[in-house]
Amino acid sequence: MDANKKQEQIEIDGTPKVLHQGHSPWIITFLRQPENDFFCLIDKEFLKDTFNQTDLRTTIPNFNRAMEEILNEKNSNDKKAEEQEINIASLEATAIEVYSMIHARYLLSAEGLSAMRSKYFDQIFGRCPRTLCDRQPLLPCGDSCTYGVSKVSLYCSRCNDVYRPTLKRHRHTDGAAFGPSFPHIFLVQYPDCVPFNKPV
């Protein structure tokens, strides 16, 4: 991290997070909401990297305006004209979609996997309800990489089954924010998280 960036700590879902000037108010507000505690804090440079935005610009309407909102980099010359066509609720929904889709890509990076490992050991995603799984920590996943197709599910690496989130606040989280392959990539990266004993 750049030594010139001012650092501070705030709490997101009760956990101290190191932030700096590059993190926008939109991101902090989004992550502070209890229903979003499955999400990671994405680095600003990762968000801005056009490679990580591949295909999203052409498939998500008002992508550029949503990115401005997420990054707090609004263009004052275009803002008034665009806000006449985009209502606030629609813009917020688009910003959540954009953050979710880039989030799925961030999880496959070294930084994203590491952040999810911390959440995994903190059991943020819950534990398997099956008795024989001995409270095995779960991993989030989605049935599709396409936004709006399915909600988040939770995968148990001990019984290889998938469950709905126990808490209702998580049942509206879109599964595309994690994707269908995340648990398997996570377990390949961290073989120490693969349980030795499988239930009979």
C-alpha atoms as a PDB file:
ATOM      1  CA  MET A   1       0.000   0.000   0.000  1.00  0.00           C
ATOM      2  CA  ASP A   2       1.222   3.505  -0.819  1.00  0.00           C
ATOM      3  CA  ALA A   3       2.782   4.985   2.308  1.00  0.00           C
ATOM      4  CA  ASN A   4       1.402   8.406   1.362  1.00  0.00           C
ATOM      5  CA  LYS A   5      -2.192   7.251   1.627  1.00  0.00           C
ATOM      6  CA  LYS A   6      -3.849   8.187   4.873  1.00  0.00           C
ATOM      7  CA  GLN A   7      -5.006   5.086   6.742  1.00  0.00           C
ATOM      8  CA  GLU A   8      -7.821   4.721   9.226  1.00  0.00           C
ATOM      9  CA  GLN A   9      -9.860   1.930  10.706  1.00  0.00           C
ATOM     10  CA  ILE A  10     -13.613   1.579  10.795  1.00  0.00           C
ATOM     11  CA  GLU A  11     -15.785  -1.355  11.698  1.00  0.00           C
ATOM     12  CA  ILE A  12     -17.641  -3.306   9.026  1.00  0.00           C
ATOM     13  CA  ASP A  13     -19.988  -5.876  10.581  1.00  0.00           C
ATOM     14  CA  GLY A  14     -18.068  -5.549  13.843  1.00  0.00           C
ATOM     15  CA  THR A  15     -14.684  -6.252  12.238  1.00  0.00           C
ATOM     16  CA  PRO A  16     -11.981  -3.531  12.018  1.00  0.00           C
ATOM     17  CA  LYS A  17     -11.063  -2.757   8.397  1.00  0.00           C
ATOM     18  CA  VAL A  18      -8.077  -0.700   7.278  1.00  0.00           C
ATOM     19  CA  LEU A  19      -9.231   1.967   4.845  1.00  0.00           C
ATOM     20  CA  HIS A  20      -7.552   4.808   3.030  1.00  0.00           C
ATOM     21  CA  GLN A  21      -8.532   7.785   0.918  1.00  0.00           C
ATOM     22  CA  GLY A  22      -9.089   5.558  -2.108  1.00  0.00           C
ATOM     23  CA  HIS A  23     -12.163   3.856  -0.661  1.00  0.00           C
ATOM     24  CA  SER A  24     -15.349   5.693  -1.551  1.00  0.00           C
ATOM     25  CA  PRO A  25     -18.350   6.468   0.667  1.00  0.00           C
ATOM     26  CA  TRP A  26     -20.522   4.182  -1.509  1.00  0.00           C
ATOM     27  CA  ILE A  27     -18.295   1.150  -0.868  1.00  0.00           C
ATOM     28  CA  ILE A  28     -18.069   1.800   2.861  1.00  0.00           C
ATOM     29  CA  THR A  29     -21.852   2.262   3.155  1.00  0.00           C
ATOM     30  CA  PHE A  30     -22.470  -0.896   1.133  1.00  0.00           C
ATOM     31  CA  LEU A  31     -20.119  -3.042   3.216  1.00  0.00           C
ATOM     32  CA  ARG A  32     -21.423  -1.696   6.515  1.00  0.00           C
ATOM     33  CA  GLN A  33     -24.863  -3.113   5.822  1.00  0.00           C
ATOM     34  CA  PRO A  34     -25.310  -6.414   7.715  1.00  0.00           C
ATOM     35  CA  GLU A  35     -26.784  -8.194   4.700  1.00  0.00           C
ATOM     36  CA  ASN A  36     -23.560  -7.568   2.761  1.00  0.00           C
ATOM     37  CA  ASP A  37     -21.114  -9.185   5.191  1.00  0.00           C
ATOM     38  CA  PHE A  38     -20.378 -11.971   2.676  1.00  0.00           C
ATOM     39  CA  PHE A  39     -18.738  -9.360   0.426  1.00  0.00           C
ATOM     40  CA  CYS A  40     -15.076  -8.349   0.475  1.00  0.00           C
ATOM     41  CA  LEU A  41     -13.600  -4.874   0.280  1.00  0.00           C
ATOM     42  CA  ILE A  42     -12.341  -4.567  -3.308  1.00  0.00           C
ATOM     43  CA  ASP A  43      -9.234  -2.491  -3.893  1.00  0.00           C
ATOM     44  CA  LYS A  44      -9.895   0.684  -5.877  1.00  0.00           C
ATOM     45  CA  GLU A  45      -7.251  -0.120  -8.473  1.00  0.00           C
ATOM     46  CA  PHE A  46      -8.826  -3.532  -9.087  1.00  0.00           C
ATOM     47  CA  LEU A  47     -12.211  -1.877  -9.597  1.00  0.00           C
ATOM     48  CA  LYS A  48     -10.784   0.635 -12.065  1.00  0.00           C
ATOM     49  CA  ASP A  49      -8.747  -1.875 -14.073  1.00  0.00           C
ATOM     50  CA  THR A  50     -10.468  -2.185 -17.467  1.00  0.00           C
ATOM     51  CA  PHE A  51      -9.422  -5.845 -17.720  1.00  0.00           C
ATOM     52  CA  ASN A  52     -11.572  -6.607 -14.667  1.00  0.00           C
ATOM     53  CA  GLN A  53     -14.476  -4.815 -16.352  1.00  0.00           C
ATOM     54  CA  THR A  54     -14.352  -6.967 -19.511  1.00  0.00           C
ATOM     55  CA  ASP A  55     -17.838  -7.446 -21.048  1.00  0.00           C
ATOM     56  CA  LEU A  56     -19.526  -5.586 -18.186  1.00  0.00           C
ATOM     57  CA  ARG A  57     -19.508  -2.223 -19.960  1.00  0.00           C
ATOM     58  CA  THR A  58     -21.514  -3.647 -22.855  1.00  0.00           C
ATOM     59  CA  THR A  59     -23.894  -5.850 -20.871  1.00  0.00           C
ATOM     60  CA  ILE A  60     -24.849  -3.595 -17.929  1.00  0.00           C
ATOM     61  CA  PRO A  61     -26.858  -0.460 -18.821  1.00  0.00           C
ATOM     62  CA  ASN A  62     -25.453   2.789 -17.335  1.00  0.00           C
ATOM     63  CA  PHE A  63     -22.240   0.980 -16.361  1.00  0.00           C
ATOM     64  CA  ASN A  64     -20.098   4.119 -16.482  1.00  0.00           C
ATOM     65  CA  ARG A  65     -22.477   6.131 -14.298  1.00  0.00           C
ATOM     66  CA  ALA A  66     -22.620   3.266 -11.782  1.00  0.00           C
ATOM     67  CA  MET A  67     -18.817   3.102 -11.649  1.00  0.00           C
ATOM     68  CA  GLU A  68     -18.677   6.839 -10.979  1.00  0.00           C
ATOM     69  CA  GLU A  69     -21.056   6.329  -8.082  1.00  0.00           C
ATOM     70  CA  ILE A  70     -19.045   3.403  -6.670  1.00  0.00           C
ATOM     71  CA  LEU A  71     -15.710   5.200  -6.970  1.00  0.00           C
ATOM     72  CA  ASN A  72     -17.061   8.657  -6.050  1.00  0.00           C
ATOM     73  CA  GLU A  73     -15.616  10.059  -9.266  1.00  0.00           C
ATOM     74  CA  LYS A  74     -18.620  11.855 -10.747  1.00  0.00           C
ATOM     75  CA  ASN A  75     -18.101  14.011 -13.815  1.00  0.00           C
ATOM     76  CA  SER A  76     -19.814  17.307 -12.995  1.00  0.00           C
ATOM     77  CA  ASN A  77     -20.320  18.125 -16.688  1.00  0.00           C
ATOM     78  CA  ASP A  78     -22.345  14.994 -17.360  1.00  0.00           C
ATOM     79  CA  LYS A  79     -23.948  14.467 -13.964  1.00  0.00           C
ATOM     80  CA  LYS A  80     -27.004  16.743 -14.369  1.00  0.00           C
ATOM     81  CA  ALA A  81     -27.886  15.456 -17.822  1.00  0.00           C
ATOM     82  CA  GLU A  82     -27.567  11.807 -16.818  1.00  0.00           C
ATOM     83  CA  GLU A  83     -29.457  12.172 -13.530  1.00  0.00           C
ATOM     84  CA  GLN A  84     -32.473  13.409 -15.472  1.00  0.00           C
ATOM     85  CA  GLU A  85     -32.598   9.995 -17.169  1.00  0.00           C
ATOM     86  CA  ILE A  86     -31.479   7.747 -14.287  1.00  0.00           C
ATOM     87  CA  ASN A  87     -33.420   7.738 -11.033  1.00  0.00           C
ATOM     88  CA  ILE A  88     -31.604   7.165  -7.764  1.00  0.00           C
ATOM     89  CA  ALA A  89     -33.079   3.715  -7.070  1.00  0.00           C
ATOM     90  CA  SER A  90     -32.151   2.485 -10.539  1.00  0.00           C
ATOM     91  CA  LEU A  91     -28.615   3.824 -10.193  1.00  0.00           C
ATOM     92  CA  GLU A  92     -28.177   2.149  -6.805  1.00  0.00           C
ATOM     93  CA  ALA A  93     -29.383  -1.189  -8.190  1.00  0.00           C
ATOM     94  CA  THR A  94     -26.957  -0.905 -11.104  1.00  0.00           C
ATOM     95  CA  ALA A  95     -24.075  -0.001  -8.773  1.00  0.00           C
ATOM     96  CA  ILE A  96     -24.778  -3.119  -6.688  1.00  0.00           C
ATOM     97  CA  GLU A  97     -24.824  -5.242  -9.841  1.00  0.00           C
ATOM     98  CA  VAL A  98     -21.510  -3.780 -11.034  1.00  0.00           C
ATOM     99  CA  TYR A  99     -19.831  -4.246  -7.644  1.00  0.00           C
ATOM    100  CA  SER A 100     -21.172  -7.812  -7.431  1.00  0.00           C
ATOM    101  CA  MET A 101     -19.892  -8.805 -10.857  1.00  0.00           C
ATOM    102  CA  ILE A 102     -16.418  -7.365 -10.275  1.00  0.00           C
ATOM    103  CA  HIS A 103     -16.480  -8.930  -6.809  1.00  0.00           C
ATOM    104  CA  ALA A 104     -16.801 -12.408  -8.361  1.00  0.00           C
ATOM    105  CA  ARG A 105     -13.605 -11.716 -10.333  1.00  0.00           C
ATOM    106  CA  TYR A 106     -11.832 -10.227  -7.334  1.00  0.00           C
ATOM    107  CA  LEU A 107     -12.430 -13.426  -5.342  1.00  0.00           C
ATOM    108  CA  LEU A 108     -10.198 -15.318  -7.787  1.00  0.00           C
ATOM    109  CA  SER A 109      -7.244 -13.000  -7.138  1.00  0.00           C
ATOM    110  CA  ALA A 110      -4.680 -13.696  -4.414  1.00  0.00           C
ATOM    111  CA  GLU A 111      -6.024 -10.796  -2.338  1.00  0.00           C
ATOM    112  CA  GLY A 112      -9.632 -11.883  -2.752  1.00  0.00           C
ATOM    113  CA  LEU A 113      -8.941 -15.502  -1.843  1.00  0.00           C
ATOM    114  CA  SER A 114      -7.026 -14.375   1.229  1.00  0.00           C
ATOM    115  CA  ALA A 115      -9.893 -12.136   2.339  1.00  0.00           C
ATOM    116  CA  MET A 116     -12.372 -14.990   1.916  1.00  0.00           C
ATOM    117  CA  ARG A 117     -10.093 -17.332   3.846  1.00  0.00           C
ATOM    118  CA  SER A 118     -10.328 -14.977   6.825  1.00  0.00           C
ATOM    119  CA  LYS A 119     -14.115 -14.925   6.543  1.00  0.00           C
ATOM    120  CA  TYR A 120     -14.156 -18.725   6.223  1.00  0.00           C
ATOM    121  CA  PHE A 121     -12.225 -19.234   9.464  1.00  0.00           C
ATOM    122  CA  ASP A 122     -14.382 -16.626  11.173  1.00  0.00           C
ATOM    123  CA  GLN A 123     -17.379 -18.687   9.991  1.00  0.00           C
ATOM    124  CA  ILE A 124     -19.019 -15.604   8.496  1.00  0.00           C
ATOM    125  CA  PHE A 125     -20.788 -17.860   5.977  1.00  0.00           C
ATOM    126  CA  GLY A 126     -22.180 -20.145   8.666  1.00  0.00           C
ATOM    127  CA  ARG A 127     -21.776 -23.852   9.392  1.00  0.00           C
ATOM    128  CA  CYS A 128     -23.252 -26.974   7.836  1.00  0.00           C
ATOM    129  CA  PRO A 129     -26.575 -27.916   9.502  1.00  0.00           C
ATOM    130  CA  ARG A 130     -25.910 -31.624   8.991  1.00  0.00           C
ATOM    131  CA  THR A 131     -24.998 -33.293  12.302  1.00  0.00           C
ATOM    132  CA  LEU A 132     -22.365 -35.618  10.824  1.00  0.00           C
ATOM    133  CA  CYS A 133     -20.525 -32.669   9.269  1.00  0.00           C
ATOM    134  CA  ASP A 134     -19.524 -31.507  12.758  1.00  0.00           C
ATOM    135  CA  ARG A 135     -20.253 -27.793  12.145  1.00  0.00           C
ATOM    136  CA  GLN A 136     -18.121 -27.607   8.995  1.00  0.00           C
ATOM    137  CA  PRO A 137     -17.690 -23.972   7.809  1.00  0.00           C
ATOM    138  CA  LEU A 138     -19.503 -23.180   4.574  1.00  0.00           C
ATOM    139  CA  LEU A 139     -18.479 -21.320   1.411  1.00  0.00           C
ATOM    140  CA  PRO A 140     -20.721 -19.050  -0.710  1.00  0.00           C
ATOM    141  CA  CYS A 141     -21.510 -19.870  -4.328  1.00  0.00           C
ATOM    142  CA  GLY A 142     -24.048 -19.168  -7.052  1.00  0.00           C
ATOM    143  CA  ASP A 143     -25.807 -21.351  -9.589  1.00  0.00           C
ATOM    144  CA  SER A 144     -24.876 -18.972 -12.409  1.00  0.00           C
ATOM    145  CA  CYS A 145     -22.339 -16.328 -13.400  1.00  0.00           C
ATOM    146  CA  THR A 146     -25.203 -14.222 -14.753  1.00  0.00           C
ATOM    147  CA  TYR A 147     -26.603 -11.572 -12.432  1.00  0.00           C
ATOM    148  CA  GLY A 148     -30.254 -11.933 -11.490  1.00  0.00           C
ATOM    149  CA  VAL A 149     -30.509 -15.676 -12.193  1.00  0.00           C
ATOM    150  CA  SER A 150     -30.100 -17.093  -8.676  1.00  0.00           C
ATOM    151  CA  LYS A 151     -29.479 -16.108  -5.075  1.00  0.00           C
ATOM    152  CA  VAL A 152     -26.415 -17.064  -3.058  1.00  0.00           C
ATOM    153  CA  SER A 153     -26.121 -20.634  -1.771  1.00  0.00           C
ATOM    154  CA  LEU A 154     -23.714 -22.134   0.761  1.00  0.00           C
ATOM    155  CA  TYR A 155     -21.527 -25.131  -0.065  1.00  0.00           C
ATOM    156  CA  CYS A 156     -20.292 -27.677   2.478  1.00  0.00           C
ATOM    157  CA  SER A 157     -16.995 -29.286   1.482  1.00  0.00           C
ATOM    158  CA  ARG A 158     -17.570 -32.180   3.892  1.00  0.00           C
ATOM    159  CA  CYS A 159     -20.896 -33.525   2.589  1.00  0.00           C
ATOM    160  CA  ASN A 160     -20.679 -31.786  -0.828  1.00  0.00           C
ATOM    161  CA  ASP A 161     -24.198 -30.455  -0.424  1.00  0.00           C
ATOM    162  CA  VAL A 162     -25.552 -26.938  -0.935  1.00  0.00           C
ATOM    163  CA  TYR A 163     -27.798 -25.041   1.490  1.00  0.00           C
ATOM    164  CA  ARG A 164     -29.801 -21.842   1.678  1.00  0.00           C
ATOM    165  CA  PRO A 165     -28.435 -19.163   4.035  1.00  0.00           C
ATOM    166  CA  THR A 166     -29.827 -19.506   7.545  1.00  0.00           C
ATOM    167  CA  LEU A 167     -30.204 -15.766   8.027  1.00  0.00           C
ATOM    168  CA  LYS A 168     -32.946 -14.131   5.968  1.00  0.00           C
ATOM    169  CA  ARG A 169     -30.824 -11.042   5.401  1.00  0.00           C
ATOM    170  CA  HIS A 170     -28.533 -13.057   3.098  1.00  0.00           C
ATOM    171  CA  ARG A 171     -31.284 -14.589   0.972  1.00  0.00           C
ATOM    172  CA  HIS A 172     -31.445 -11.586  -1.354  1.00  0.00           C
ATOM    173  CA  THR A 173     -27.711 -11.629  -2.153  1.00  0.00           C
ATOM    174  CA  ASP A 174     -27.155 -12.464  -5.806  1.00  0.00           C
ATOM    175  CA  GLY A 175     -25.254 -15.695  -6.444  1.00  0.00           C
ATOM    176  CA  ALA A 176     -23.329 -14.143  -9.345  1.00  0.00           C
ATOM    177  CA  ALA A 177     -21.303 -12.161  -6.799  1.00  0.00           C
ATOM    178  CA  PHE A 178     -19.516 -15.427  -6.036  1.00  0.00           C
ATOM    179  CA  GLY A 179     -20.169 -17.707  -9.014  1.00  0.00           C
ATOM    180  CA  PRO A 180     -20.449 -21.499  -9.233  1.00  0.00           C
ATOM    181  CA  SER A 181     -16.723 -22.262  -9.227  1.00  0.00           C
ATOM    182  CA  PHE A 182     -15.531 -20.205  -6.249  1.00  0.00           C
ATOM    183  CA  PRO A 183     -15.662 -22.952  -3.556  1.00  0.00           C
ATOM    184  CA  HIS A 184     -13.651 -25.357  -5.687  1.00  0.00           C
ATOM    185  CA  ILE A 185     -10.999 -22.769  -6.601  1.00  0.00           C
ATOM    186  CA  PHE A 186     -10.790 -21.774  -2.934  1.00  0.00           C
ATOM    187  CA  LEU A 187     -10.230 -25.374  -1.806  1.00  0.00           C
ATOM    188  CA  VAL A 188      -7.575 -25.957  -4.482  1.00  0.00           C
ATOM    189  CA  GLN A 189      -5.761 -22.826  -3.325  1.00  0.00           C
ATOM    190  CA  TYR A 190      -6.092 -23.800   0.360  1.00  0.00           C
ATOM    191  CA  PRO A 191      -5.931 -27.611   0.654  1.00  0.00           C
ATOM    192  CA  ASP A 192      -5.697 -27.261   4.430  1.00  0.00           C
ATOM    193  CA  CYS A 193      -9.367 -26.229   4.339  1.00  0.00           C
ATOM    194  CA  VAL A 194     -10.411 -29.539   2.743  1.00  0.00           C
ATOM    195  CA  PRO A 195     -11.888 -31.791   5.464  1.00  0.00           C
ATOM    196  CA  PHE A 196     -10.228 -35.184   5.855  1.00  0.00           C
ATOM    197  CA  ASN A 197     -13.234 -37.039   7.193  1.00  0.00           C
ATOM    198  CA  LYS A 198     -16.358 -37.266   5.071  1.00  0.00           C
ATOM    199  CA  PRO A 199     -19.760 -38.143   6.630  1.00  0.00           C
ATOM    200  CA  VAL A 200     -20.996 -41.698   6.079  1.00  0.00           C
END
